[in-house]
Amino acid sequence: MIGAILIFGGFALAALSAAFGLTWLLSAMIGRHETEPHHATTPEWVEPDWPVYQ
C-alpha cells in the first residue's frame, strides 16, 4: 500500500515537473523569439498610451 502510494506520487511529481519544464522551455523560446524584435521596433510598448492612466 505504501509502495503504491510512493510510486504514484513519484509518477505524479515526474509528470508535473516534466509539464512545467516543457511549458517553461516553450515560453522561453517563444518569448525570446517574439519579444526581442518586437521591443526593438516598437518603443511605445515601454510607455503605453492607455486612456486609463490619463
PDB file of N, CA and C in Angstrom:
ATOM      1  N   MET A   1       0.843  -1.206   0.000  1.00  0.00           N
ATOM      2  CA  MET A   1       0.000   0.000   0.000  1.00  0.00           C
ATOM      3  C   MET A   1       0.875   1.252   0.000  1.00  0.00           C
ATOM      4  N   ILE A   2       1.856   1.283   0.918  1.00  0.00           N
ATOM      5  CA  ILE A   2       2.729   2.459   0.975  1.00  0.00           C
ATOM      6  C   ILE A   2       3.584   2.551  -0.295  1.00  0.00           C
ATOM      7  N   GLY A   3       4.016   1.398  -0.798  1.00  0.00           N
ATOM      8  CA  GLY A   3       4.811   1.403  -2.026  1.00  0.00           C
ATOM      9  C   GLY A   3       4.022   1.935  -3.209  1.00  0.00           C
ATOM     10  N   ALA A   4       2.728   1.553  -3.273  1.00  0.00           N
ATOM     11  CA  ALA A   4       1.899   2.040  -4.377  1.00  0.00           C
ATOM     12  C   ALA A   4       1.713   3.553  -4.284  1.00  0.00           C
ATOM     13  N   ILE A   5       1.543   4.044  -3.072  1.00  0.00           N
ATOM     14  CA  ILE A   5       1.372   5.492  -2.891  1.00  0.00           C
ATOM     15  C   ILE A   5       2.660   6.226  -3.286  1.00  0.00           C
ATOM     16  N   LEU A   6       3.802   5.664  -2.882  1.00  0.00           N
ATOM     17  CA  LEU A   6       5.075   6.300  -3.229  1.00  0.00           C
ATOM     18  C   LEU A   6       5.301   6.284  -4.745  1.00  0.00           C
ATOM     19  N   ILE A   7       4.983   5.157  -5.388  1.00  0.00           N
ATOM     20  CA  ILE A   7       5.175   5.066  -6.841  1.00  0.00           C
ATOM     21  C   ILE A   7       4.248   6.051  -7.553  1.00  0.00           C
ATOM     22  N   PHE A   8       2.979   6.111  -7.095  1.00  0.00           N
ATOM     23  CA  PHE A   8       2.025   7.030  -7.720  1.00  0.00           C
ATOM     24  C   PHE A   8       2.451   8.475  -7.500  1.00  0.00           C
ATOM     25  N   GLY A   9       2.931   8.787  -6.301  1.00  0.00           N
ATOM     26  CA  GLY A   9       3.412  10.139  -6.031  1.00  0.00           C
ATOM     27  C   GLY A   9       4.622  10.493  -6.876  1.00  0.00           C
ATOM     28  N   GLY A  10       5.521   9.516  -7.059  1.00  0.00           N
ATOM     29  CA  GLY A  10       6.693   9.759  -7.896  1.00  0.00           C
ATOM     30  C   GLY A  10       6.307  10.023  -9.338  1.00  0.00           C
ATOM     31  N   PHE A  11       5.338   9.217  -9.852  1.00  0.00           N
ATOM     32  CA  PHE A  11       4.877   9.441 -11.226  1.00  0.00           C
ATOM     33  C   PHE A  11       4.209  10.808 -11.356  1.00  0.00           C
ATOM     34  N   ALA A  12       3.405  11.188 -10.368  1.00  0.00           N
ATOM     35  CA  ALA A  12       2.719  12.476 -10.424  1.00  0.00           C
ATOM     36  C   ALA A  12       3.732  13.620 -10.390  1.00  0.00           C
ATOM     37  N   LEU A  13       4.736  13.495  -9.530  1.00  0.00           N
ATOM     38  CA  LEU A  13       5.758  14.535  -9.429  1.00  0.00           C
ATOM     39  C   LEU A  13       6.567  14.637 -10.718  1.00  0.00           C
ATOM     40  N   ALA A  14       6.903  13.477 -11.297  1.00  0.00           N
ATOM     41  CA  ALA A  14       7.660  13.484 -12.546  1.00  0.00           C
ATOM     42  C   ALA A  14       6.845  14.114 -13.677  1.00  0.00           C
ATOM     43  N   ALA A  15       5.549  13.783 -13.745  1.00  0.00           N
ATOM     44  CA  ALA A  15       4.700  14.357 -14.797  1.00  0.00           C
ATOM     45  C   ALA A  15       4.551  15.865 -14.608  1.00  0.00           C
ATOM     46  N   LEU A  16       4.394  16.295 -13.362  1.00  0.00           N
ATOM     47  CA  LEU A  16       4.238  17.718 -13.090  1.00  0.00           C
ATOM     48  C   LEU A  16       5.510  18.482 -13.452  1.00  0.00           C
ATOM     49  N   SER A  17       6.662  17.941 -13.040  1.00  0.00           N
ATOM     50  CA  SER A  17       7.919  18.626 -13.345  1.00  0.00           C
ATOM     51  C   SER A  17       8.196  18.625 -14.843  1.00  0.00           C
ATOM     52  N   ALA A  18       7.842  17.534 -15.528  1.00  0.00           N
ATOM     53  CA  ALA A  18       8.051  17.488 -16.974  1.00  0.00           C
ATOM     54  C   ALA A  18       7.156  18.504 -17.676  1.00  0.00           C
ATOM     55  N   ALA A  19       5.896  18.597 -17.251  1.00  0.00           N
ATOM     56  CA  ALA A  19       4.989  19.563 -17.866  1.00  0.00           C
ATOM     57  C   ALA A  19       5.467  20.988 -17.606  1.00  0.00           C
ATOM     58  N   PHE A  20       5.917  21.258 -16.373  1.00  0.00           N
ATOM     59  CA  PHE A  20       6.402  22.596 -16.056  1.00  0.00           C
ATOM     60  C   PHE A  20       7.651  22.929 -16.860  1.00  0.00           C
ATOM     61  N   GLY A  21       8.560  21.946 -16.977  1.00  0.00           N
ATOM     62  CA  GLY A  21       9.779  22.168 -17.746  1.00  0.00           C
ATOM     63  C   GLY A  21       9.489  22.423 -19.215  1.00  0.00           C
ATOM     64  N   LEU A  22       8.537  21.658 -19.774  1.00  0.00           N
ATOM     65  CA  LEU A  22       8.214  21.840 -21.190  1.00  0.00           C
ATOM     66  C   LEU A  22       7.559  23.190 -21.425  1.00  0.00           C
ATOM     67  N   THR A  23       6.634  23.579 -20.548  1.00  0.00           N
ATOM     68  CA  THR A  23       5.969  24.872 -20.736  1.00  0.00           C
ATOM     69  C   THR A  23       6.960  26.019 -20.538  1.00  0.00           C
ATOM     70  N   TRP A  24       7.896  25.857 -19.578  1.00  0.00           N
ATOM     71  CA  TRP A  24       8.880  26.911 -19.359  1.00  0.00           C
ATOM     72  C   TRP A  24       9.814  27.030 -20.554  1.00  0.00           C
ATOM     73  N   LEU A  25      10.236  25.877 -21.091  1.00  0.00           N
ATOM     74  CA  LEU A  25      11.124  25.898 -22.250  1.00  0.00           C
ATOM     75  C   LEU A  25      10.420  26.506 -23.455  1.00  0.00           C
ATOM     76  N   LEU A  26       9.152  26.108 -23.662  1.00  0.00           N
ATOM     77  CA  LEU A  26       8.391  26.623 -24.797  1.00  0.00           C
ATOM     78  C   LEU A  26       8.167  28.126 -24.656  1.00  0.00           C
ATOM     79  N   SER A  27       7.805  28.576 -23.451  1.00  0.00           N
ATOM     80  CA  SER A  27       7.564  30.000 -23.257  1.00  0.00           C
ATOM     81  C   SER A  27       8.860  30.792 -23.381  1.00  0.00           C
ATOM     82  N   ALA A  28       9.972  30.208 -22.917  1.00  0.00           N
ATOM     83  CA  ALA A  28      11.259  30.900 -23.041  1.00  0.00           C
ATOM     84  C   ALA A  28      11.650  31.028 -24.509  1.00  0.00           C
ATOM     85  N   MET A  29      11.450  29.964 -25.290  1.00  0.00           N
ATOM     86  CA  MET A  29      11.794  30.028 -26.708  1.00  0.00           C
ATOM     87  C   MET A  29      10.890  31.011 -27.435  1.00  0.00           C
ATOM     88  N   ILE A  30       9.596  30.939 -27.178  1.00  0.00           N
ATOM     89  CA  ILE A  30       8.647  31.837 -27.857  1.00  0.00           C
ATOM     90  C   ILE A  30       8.889  33.281 -27.407  1.00  0.00           C
ATOM     91  N   GLY A  31       9.108  33.468 -26.121  1.00  0.00           N
ATOM     92  CA  GLY A  31       9.330  34.821 -25.611  1.00  0.00           C
ATOM     93  C   GLY A  31      10.598  35.433 -26.170  1.00  0.00           C
ATOM     94  N   ARG A  32      11.672  34.657 -26.219  1.00  0.00           N
ATOM     95  CA  ARG A  32      12.920  35.186 -26.739  1.00  0.00           C
ATOM     96  C   ARG A  32      12.793  35.453 -28.230  1.00  0.00           C
ATOM     97  N   HIS A  33      12.038  34.612 -28.923  1.00  0.00           N
ATOM     98  CA  HIS A  33      11.909  34.763 -30.366  1.00  0.00           C
ATOM     99  C   HIS A  33      10.987  35.925 -30.713  1.00  0.00           C
ATOM    100  N   GLU A  34       9.985  36.187 -29.883  1.00  0.00           N
ATOM    101  CA  GLU A  34       8.970  37.177 -30.231  1.00  0.00           C
ATOM    102  C   GLU A  34       9.283  38.570 -29.684  1.00  0.00           C
ATOM    103  N   THR A  35       9.782  38.646 -28.447  1.00  0.00           N
ATOM    104  CA  THR A  35       9.818  39.952 -27.791  1.00  0.00           C
ATOM    105  C   THR A  35      11.017  40.788 -28.215  1.00  0.00           C
ATOM    106  N   GLU A  36      12.139  40.182 -28.605  1.00  0.00           N
ATOM    107  CA  GLU A  36      13.321  40.997 -28.903  1.00  0.00           C
ATOM    108  C   GLU A  36      13.131  41.880 -30.140  1.00  0.00           C
ATOM    109  N   PRO A  37      12.677  41.340 -31.278  1.00  0.00           N
ATOM    110  CA  PRO A  37      12.425  42.241 -32.407  1.00  0.00           C
ATOM    111  C   PRO A  37      11.237  43.165 -32.156  1.00  0.00           C
ATOM    112  N   HIS A  38      10.257  42.666 -31.414  1.00  0.00           N
ATOM    113  CA  HIS A  38       9.059  43.460 -31.154  1.00  0.00           C
ATOM    114  C   HIS A  38       9.402  44.672 -30.297  1.00  0.00           C
ATOM    115  N   HIS A  39      10.152  44.445 -29.228  1.00  0.00           N
ATOM    116  CA  HIS A  39      10.523  45.566 -28.367  1.00  0.00           C
ATOM    117  C   HIS A  39      11.528  46.483 -29.047  1.00  0.00           C
ATOM    118  N   ALA A  40      12.334  45.923 -29.944  1.00  0.00           N
ATOM    119  CA  ALA A  40      13.313  46.762 -30.633  1.00  0.00           C
ATOM    120  C   ALA A  40      12.631  47.682 -31.634  1.00  0.00           C
ATOM    121  N   THR A  41      11.536  47.214 -32.240  1.00  0.00           N
ATOM    122  CA  THR A  41      10.897  48.020 -33.276  1.00  0.00           C
ATOM    123  C   THR A  41       9.800  48.927 -32.717  1.00  0.00           C
ATOM    124  N   THR A  42       9.251  48.578 -31.551  1.00  0.00           N
ATOM    125  CA  THR A  42       8.154  49.377 -31.002  1.00  0.00           C
ATOM    126  C   THR A  42       8.530  49.881 -29.611  1.00  0.00           C
ATOM    127  N   PRO A  43       9.093  51.090 -29.512  1.00  0.00           N
ATOM    128  CA  PRO A  43       9.418  51.630 -28.184  1.00  0.00           C
ATOM    129  C   PRO A  43       8.192  52.115 -27.421  1.00  0.00           C
ATOM    130  N   GLU A  44       7.055  52.262 -28.096  1.00  0.00           N
ATOM    131  CA  GLU A  44       5.864  52.728 -27.392  1.00  0.00           C
ATOM    132  C   GLU A  44       5.296  51.660 -26.468  1.00  0.00           C
ATOM    133  N   TRP A  45       5.777  50.414 -26.597  1.00  0.00           N
ATOM    134  CA  TRP A  45       5.296  49.367 -25.702  1.00  0.00           C
ATOM    135  C   TRP A  45       5.829  49.581 -24.290  1.00  0.00           C
ATOM    136  N   VAL A  46       6.970  50.274 -24.159  1.00  0.00           N
ATOM    137  CA  VAL A  46       7.536  50.512 -22.834  1.00  0.00           C
ATOM    138  C   VAL A  46       6.670  51.515 -22.081  1.00  0.00           C
ATOM    139  N   GLU A  47       6.187  52.556 -22.766  1.00  0.00           N
ATOM    140  CA  GLU A  47       5.315  53.546 -22.134  1.00  0.00           C
ATOM    141  C   GLU A  47       3.993  53.568 -22.893  1.00  0.00           C
ATOM    142  N   PRO A  48       3.043  52.721 -22.518  1.00  0.00           N
ATOM    143  CA  PRO A  48       1.775  52.654 -23.260  1.00  0.00           C
ATOM    144  C   PRO A  48       0.918  53.895 -23.044  1.00  0.00           C
ATOM    145  N   ASP A  49       0.192  54.253 -24.083  1.00  0.00           N
ATOM    146  CA  ASP A  49      -0.679  55.426 -24.039  1.00  0.00           C
ATOM    147  C   ASP A  49      -2.121  54.991 -23.771  1.00  0.00           C
ATOM    148  N   TRP A  50      -2.359  54.421 -22.600  1.00  0.00           N
ATOM    149  CA  TRP A  50      -3.704  53.939 -22.283  1.00  0.00           C
ATOM    150  C   TRP A  50      -4.561  55.073 -21.731  1.00  0.00           C
ATOM    151  N   PRO A  51      -5.820  55.136 -22.130  1.00  0.00           N
ATOM    152  CA  PRO A  51      -6.695  56.200 -21.612  1.00  0.00           C
ATOM    153  C   PRO A  51      -7.025  56.030 -20.121  1.00  0.00           C
ATOM    154  N   VAL A  52      -6.693  54.866 -19.540  1.00  0.00           N
ATOM    155  CA  VAL A  52      -6.972  54.647 -18.115  1.00  0.00           C
ATOM    156  C   VAL A  52      -6.057  55.525 -17.270  1.00  0.00           C
ATOM    157  N   TYR A  53      -4.799  55.645 -17.711  1.00  0.00           N
ATOM    158  CA  TYR A  53      -3.845  56.421 -16.919  1.00  0.00           C
ATOM    159  C   TYR A  53      -4.009  57.922 -17.134  1.00  0.00           C
ATOM    160  N   GLN A  54      -4.687  58.288 -18.224  1.00  0.00           N
ATOM    161  CA  GLN A  54      -4.876  59.706 -18.464  1.00  0.00           C
ATOM    162  C   GLN A  54      -6.220  60.130 -17.873  1.00  0.00           C
TER     163      GLN A  54
END
